[in-house]
């Protein structure tokens, strides 16, 4: 009989141990979880801390991405401003070139007008010289063919017409 009592007490002890172990496991399960395959126990706090760290890392990554996006936007804005400045400079250069061309055209026109005036003056001078030569020839003809008093009258009359 001793044997069955020993077995009973052994079973009872094992049962109590199992019962206590179950209670302990249930109580600590809320605080600790068993990681499969690693044999390590990770506490809930550590897991929460890891989750918080992961969230913080994600937030930091998001902030970095936002900062990068802002930097890209700023760079794009700077590029646009530079392009605008370049366009304005090109427009100014074009305007300056147009003004220079207009000035050159005006100078050319003035030169042409001056040349035309000079040509007209030369033509007038040539006409005057021709008229003077004709007049001299006529006066010589009058002086050779007529008496000096008559030649003088004819010359004055010729000059009037």
Protein backbone atom coordinates (compact mmCIF):
# COMPACT_ATOMS: atom_id res chain seq x y z
CA UNK A 1 0.00 0.00 0.00
CA UNK A 2 2.81 2.23 0.50
CA UNK A 3 3.47 2.24 -3.14
CA UNK A 4 0.09 3.52 -4.20
CA UNK A 5 0.25 6.23 -1.53
CA UNK A 6 3.65 7.26 -2.80
CA UNK A 7 2.32 7.39 -6.30
CA UNK A 8 -0.66 9.34 -5.17
CA UNK A 9 1.49 11.81 -3.29
CA UNK A 10 3.81 12.01 -6.25
CA UNK A 11 0.89 12.61 -8.57
CA UNK A 12 -0.51 15.11 -6.13
CA UNK A 13 2.82 16.93 -5.98
CA UNK A 14 3.10 16.89 -9.76
CA UNK A 15 -0.50 18.13 -10.01
CA UNK A 16 0.11 20.96 -7.56
CA UNK A 17 3.31 21.84 -9.36
CA UNK A 18 1.52 21.79 -12.70
CA UNK A 19 -1.31 23.86 -11.26
CA UNK A 20 1.10 26.42 -9.83
CA UNK A 21 3.05 26.44 -13.03
CA UNK A 22 -0.13 27.08 -15.01
CA UNK A 23 -1.12 29.94 -12.70
CA UNK A 24 2.36 31.39 -12.92
CA UNK A 25 2.36 31.03 -16.69
CA UNK A 26 -1.02 32.74 -17.00
CA UNK A 27 0.06 35.56 -14.68
CA UNK A 28 3.34 36.15 -16.39
CA UNK A 29 1.99 35.61 -19.87
CA UNK A 30 0.56 39.06 -19.66
CA UNK A 31 4.00 40.41 -18.86
CA UNK A 32 6.20 38.06 -20.83
CA UNK A 33 5.91 36.11 -24.04
CA UNK A 34 7.95 33.18 -25.16
CA UNK A 35 9.75 33.83 -28.46
CA UNK A 36 9.49 30.78 -30.68
CA UNK A 37 12.75 29.12 -31.56
CA UNK A 38 15.00 31.42 -29.59
CA UNK A 39 14.32 30.26 -26.10
CA UNK A 40 14.49 33.83 -24.91
CA UNK A 41 11.81 35.62 -23.02
CA UNK A 42 11.05 39.11 -24.20
CA UNK A 43 9.19 41.21 -21.77
CA UNK A 44 6.20 43.25 -22.86
CA UNK A 45 7.99 46.39 -21.80
CA UNK A 46 10.95 45.58 -24.00
CA UNK A 47 8.60 44.84 -26.87
CA UNK A 48 6.75 48.10 -26.28
CA UNK A 49 10.07 49.92 -26.11
CA UNK A 50 11.11 48.28 -29.36
CA UNK A 51 7.79 49.26 -30.93
CA UNK A 52 8.23 52.81 -29.67
CA UNK A 53 11.78 52.87 -31.03
CA UNK A 54 10.53 51.54 -34.36
CA UNK A 55 7.78 54.19 -34.39
CA UNK A 56 10.34 56.86 -33.53
CA UNK A 57 12.61 55.58 -36.29
CA UNK A 58 9.69 55.61 -38.71
CA UNK A 59 8.80 59.14 -37.61
CA UNK A 60 12.42 60.20 -38.03
CA UNK A 61 12.50 58.59 -41.48
CA UNK A 62 9.26 60.37 -42.37
CA UNK A 63 10.70 63.66 -41.09
CA UNK A 64 13.87 63.06 -43.10
CA UNK A 65 11.79 62.29 -46.18
CA UNK A 66 9.76 65.46 -45.61
CA UNK A 67 12.97 67.45 -45.17
CA UNK A 68 14.36 65.91 -48.36
CA UNK A 69 11.13 66.77 -50.19
CA UNK A 70 11.31 70.32 -48.85
CA UNK A 71 14.94 70.57 -49.94
CA UNK A 72 14.02 69.24 -53.39
CA UNK A 73 11.19 71.78 -53.61
CA UNK A 74 13.56 74.55 -52.56
CA UNK A 75 16.09 73.40 -55.15
CA UNK A 76 13.37 73.34 -57.81
CA UNK A 77 12.29 76.84 -56.79
CA UNK A 78 15.90 78.02 -56.95
CA UNK A 79 16.28 76.43 -60.39
CA UNK A 80 13.07 78.12 -61.54
CA UNK A 81 14.32 81.45 -60.21
CA UNK A 82 17.65 80.96 -61.97
CA UNK A 83 15.82 80.11 -65.20
CA UNK A 84 13.68 83.24 -64.82
CA UNK A 85 16.79 85.33 -64.21
CA UNK A 86 18.47 83.80 -67.26
CA UNK A 87 15.38 84.51 -69.36
CA UNK A 88 15.30 88.09 -68.10
CA UNK A 89 18.99 88.48 -68.91
CA UNK A 90 18.42 87.05 -72.39
CA UNK A 91 15.50 89.44 -72.91
CA UNK A 92 17.65 92.36 -71.75
CA UNK A 93 20.43 91.28 -74.11
CA UNK A 94 17.95 91.00 -76.97
CA UNK A 95 16.59 94.46 -76.17
CA UNK A 96 20.12 95.87 -76.08
CA UNK A 97 20.90 94.21 -79.41
CA UNK A 98 17.71 95.63 -80.90
CA UNK A 99 18.59 99.08 -79.59
CA UNK A 100 22.09 98.77 -81.05
CA UNK A 101 20.65 97.66 -84.39
CA UNK A 102 18.24 100.61 -84.35
CA UNK A 103 21.10 102.98 -83.55
CA UNK A 104 23.18 101.49 -86.37
CA UNK A 105 20.24 101.85 -88.77
CA UNK A 106 19.77 105.46 -87.70
CA UNK A 107 23.48 106.13 -88.18
CA UNK A 108 23.35 104.51 -91.62
CA UNK A 109 20.32 106.60 -92.55
CA UNK A 110 22.09 109.75 -91.35
CA UNK A 111 25.18 108.82 -93.34
CA UNK A 112 23.05 108.19 -96.43
CA UNK A 113 21.31 111.54 -95.97
CA UNK A 114 24.67 113.27 -95.57
CA UNK A 115 25.97 111.54 -98.70
CA UNK A 116 22.87 112.58 -100.63
CA UNK A 117 23.27 116.16 -99.41
CA UNK A 118 26.93 116.13 -100.40
CA UNK A 119 26.03 114.76 -103.83
CA UNK A 120 23.37 117.43 -104.27
CA UNK A 121 25.84 120.12 -103.20
CA UNK A 122 28.43 118.77 -105.64
CA UNK A 123 25.85 118.71 -108.42
CA UNK A 124 24.84 122.28 -107.61
CA UNK A 125 28.49 123.35 -107.56
CA UNK A 126 29.04 121.64 -110.91
CA UNK A 127 25.97 123.37 -112.35
CA UNK A 128 27.17 126.72 -111.02
CA UNK A 129 30.63 126.11 -112.48
CA UNK A 130 29.09 125.14 -115.82
CA UNK A 131 26.89 128.24 -115.76
CA UNK A 132 29.89 130.41 -114.90
CA UNK A 133 31.88 128.87 -117.75
CA UNK A 134 28.98 129.40 -120.14
CA UNK A 135 28.67 132.95 -118.92
CA UNK A 136 32.40 133.53 -119.43
CA UNK A 137 32.18 132.08 -122.92
CA UNK A 138 29.21 134.27 -123.77
CA UNK A 139 30.97 137.34 -122.37
CA UNK A 140 34.05 136.52 -124.45
CA UNK A 141 31.91 136.11 -127.54
CA UNK A 142 30.21 139.45 -126.87
CA UNK A 143 33.54 141.15 -126.21
CA UNK A 144 35.07 139.77 -129.38
CA UNK A 145 32.15 140.51 -131.67
CA UNK A 146 30.85 143.81 -130.34
CA UNK A 147 32.14 147.10 -129.14
CA UNK A 148 32.88 147.24 -125.40
CA UNK A 149 29.80 149.38 -124.57
CA UNK A 150 27.46 147.11 -126.47
CA UNK A 151 29.13 143.97 -125.12
CA UNK A 152 28.63 145.28 -121.60
CA UNK A 153 24.93 145.90 -122.19
CA UNK A 154 24.51 142.47 -123.76
CA UNK A 155 26.30 140.80 -120.83
CA UNK A 156 24.06 142.52 -118.26
CA UNK A 157 20.99 141.58 -120.24
CA UNK A 158 22.22 137.97 -120.59
CA UNK A 159 22.83 137.72 -116.83
CA UNK A 160 19.32 138.93 -116.10
CA UNK A 161 17.82 136.06 -118.02
